[in-house]
Protein backbone atom coordinates (compact mmCIF):
# COMPACT_ATOMS: atom_id res chain seq x y z
CA MET A 1 49.95 -76.52 -40.46
CA ALA A 2 48.05 -79.77 -40.62
CA THR A 3 47.71 -81.51 -43.96
CA ASP A 4 45.99 -84.69 -45.00
CA THR A 5 45.01 -86.18 -48.33
CA THR A 6 43.01 -89.27 -47.46
CA THR A 7 40.52 -88.35 -44.75
CA ALA A 8 38.90 -85.33 -43.18
CA PRO A 9 41.31 -82.72 -41.77
CA PRO A 10 43.25 -83.96 -38.75
CA LEU A 11 42.12 -81.92 -35.79
CA SER A 12 43.32 -81.79 -32.23
CA SER A 13 42.75 -79.47 -29.32
CA SER A 14 45.02 -81.22 -26.85
CA SER A 15 47.11 -78.10 -26.28
CA ALA A 16 44.24 -75.63 -25.77
CA ASP A 17 40.74 -75.36 -24.36
CA PHE A 18 38.43 -74.37 -27.21
CA SER A 19 35.22 -74.78 -25.24
CA ALA A 20 34.75 -71.19 -23.99
CA ASN A 21 34.54 -69.45 -27.38
CA GLY A 22 34.52 -72.42 -29.73
CA PHE A 23 36.96 -72.76 -32.58
CA SER A 24 37.51 -71.67 -36.16
CA LEU A 25 38.38 -74.17 -38.87
CA HIS A 26 40.31 -72.77 -41.86
CA VAL A 27 40.67 -75.12 -44.83
CA THR A 28 42.36 -74.67 -48.21
CA VAL A 29 42.25 -77.10 -51.11
CA TYR A 30 44.23 -76.93 -54.34
CA ILE A 31 42.56 -78.20 -57.49
CA ALA A 32 42.86 -77.55 -61.20
CA PRO A 33 40.83 -74.47 -62.22
CA GLU A 34 38.83 -76.56 -64.69
CA ASP A 35 37.74 -78.83 -61.80
CA VAL A 36 36.27 -75.98 -59.73
CA PRO A 37 32.66 -76.43 -60.98
CA LYS A 38 32.79 -80.18 -60.30
CA PHE A 39 34.36 -79.56 -56.87
CA MET A 40 31.72 -76.97 -55.93
CA GLU A 41 28.93 -79.30 -57.02
CA ALA A 42 30.26 -82.00 -54.68
CA TYR A 43 30.91 -79.45 -51.92
CA LYS A 44 27.46 -77.82 -51.94
CA PRO A 45 25.61 -80.58 -50.00
CA VAL A 46 28.25 -80.42 -47.24
CA PHE A 47 28.04 -76.61 -47.14
CA ASP A 48 24.24 -76.76 -46.91
CA MET A 49 24.34 -79.37 -44.15
CA VAL A 50 26.96 -77.51 -42.12
CA ILE A 51 25.25 -74.10 -42.27
CA GLY A 52 22.13 -75.80 -40.93
CA GLU A 53 23.95 -76.91 -37.78
CA PRO A 54 23.18 -74.65 -34.78
CA GLU A 55 26.79 -74.93 -33.57
CA CYS A 56 28.12 -73.46 -36.83
CA VAL A 57 27.82 -69.69 -36.47
CA PHE A 58 29.85 -68.60 -39.52
CA PHE A 59 30.79 -70.15 -42.84
CA GLU A 60 32.30 -68.42 -45.84
CA VAL A 61 34.03 -69.80 -48.93
CA TYR A 62 36.81 -67.96 -50.81
CA GLN A 63 38.56 -68.33 -54.16
CA SER A 64 42.02 -67.04 -54.99
CA PRO A 65 41.95 -64.41 -57.78
CA GLU A 66 45.49 -65.41 -58.79
CA ASP A 67 44.82 -69.15 -58.77
CA PRO A 68 41.12 -69.99 -59.24
CA GLY A 69 41.81 -73.59 -58.24
CA THR A 70 42.72 -72.51 -54.71
CA ILE A 71 39.53 -72.67 -52.67
CA SER A 72 39.48 -71.81 -48.97
CA TRP A 73 36.79 -71.64 -46.35
CA VAL A 74 36.32 -70.61 -42.75
CA GLU A 75 33.89 -72.24 -40.35
CA ASN A 76 33.30 -70.89 -36.84
CA TRP A 77 31.88 -73.32 -34.31
CA THR A 78 30.58 -72.79 -30.77
CA ALA A 79 31.27 -76.43 -29.87
CA SER A 80 34.52 -78.17 -28.97
CA VAL A 81 36.90 -79.77 -31.45
CA GLU A 82 36.20 -83.11 -29.78
CA TRP A 83 32.47 -82.67 -30.42
CA PHE A 84 33.21 -81.76 -34.04
CA MET A 85 35.34 -84.86 -34.51
CA LYS A 86 32.73 -87.13 -32.92
CA GLU A 87 29.48 -85.62 -34.21
CA GLN A 88 30.28 -83.90 -37.51
CA LEU A 89 33.10 -85.59 -39.39
CA PRO A 90 31.60 -89.11 -39.31
CA LYS A 91 28.50 -87.93 -41.20
CA GLU A 92 27.92 -89.67 -44.51
CA CYS A 93 27.91 -86.46 -46.57
CA PHE A 94 31.57 -85.85 -45.63
CA LYS A 95 32.52 -89.34 -46.82
CA THR A 96 30.76 -88.78 -50.14
CA TYR A 97 32.30 -85.32 -50.57
CA LEU A 98 35.81 -86.58 -49.81
CA ALA A 99 35.47 -89.59 -52.14
CA VAL A 100 34.58 -87.27 -55.03
CA THR A 101 36.91 -84.34 -54.30
CA GLU A 102 40.13 -85.82 -52.94
CA PRO A 103 41.17 -87.22 -56.35
CA MET A 104 41.06 -83.61 -57.61
CA TYR A 105 43.67 -82.37 -55.12
CA LEU A 106 46.88 -81.15 -56.73
CA LYS A 107 48.57 -81.07 -53.32
CA PRO A 108 47.47 -81.93 -49.77
CA ARG A 109 44.56 -80.09 -48.21
CA GLU A 110 45.56 -77.65 -45.48
CA ALA A 111 43.48 -77.43 -42.32
CA ASN A 112 44.08 -75.20 -39.32
CA ILE A 113 42.20 -74.99 -36.03
CA LEU A 114 42.25 -71.58 -34.39
CA HIS A 115 40.94 -70.49 -31.02
CA ARG A 116 38.22 -67.85 -31.32
CA MET A 117 39.22 -64.90 -29.15
CA GLY A 118 35.68 -63.94 -28.19
CA ARG A 119 33.27 -61.04 -28.47
CA ASP A 120 35.88 -58.35 -27.75
CA TRP A 121 37.62 -59.33 -31.01
CA LEU A 122 34.58 -59.75 -33.25
CA ALA A 123 33.02 -57.29 -35.66
CA ILE A 124 30.21 -58.01 -38.08
CA LYS A 125 28.76 -55.28 -40.27
CA ASP A 126 25.09 -55.37 -41.19
CA LYS A 127 25.77 -55.03 -44.91
CA GLN A 128 28.67 -57.26 -45.83
CA TYR A 129 27.71 -57.39 -49.50
CA PRO A 130 26.15 -54.80 -51.81
CA SER A 131 22.59 -55.48 -52.96
CA GLY A 132 22.32 -58.27 -55.47
CA VAL A 133 25.56 -60.02 -54.49
C-alpha cells in the first residue's frame, strides 16, 4: 500500500499495463472528525474539476461510520497512470488542495492503484440512490 504525506499519491504502473481498461485510484485520508467540514470545503474544487474530465468515468466519496474522520474515495479512469501523473496531478487545484489538507492528516494518506478488470466485471444499477439522496 502506497503512502505519502507531502505530495500527491505516489503512483506507478511499471508492473502492469493499465491502458486497456484504465485504472482505479482508491485513496483514504485520516483527519480529525472536527476537520471534516474544512477538509470537504478544500476538496470540493478538486472533486468538481476531476468529475469534469472526460477520462474520469466514476468518482465516489465515502465516510467511515465508525470514524467520521476517515474519508475515502474511488476514481475510475480510462487513461493510463502515466497520463494521470503527467496531465492531472500537476494541476494547480491539486497543489492548493494539498497545501490546505495535508496539515490535517493524522497519519499518512493511503493510495492504491488497481487495474480495472473490464466490462465483464462491471455492474451499474440505474437507481443507485433513493429519490432525494
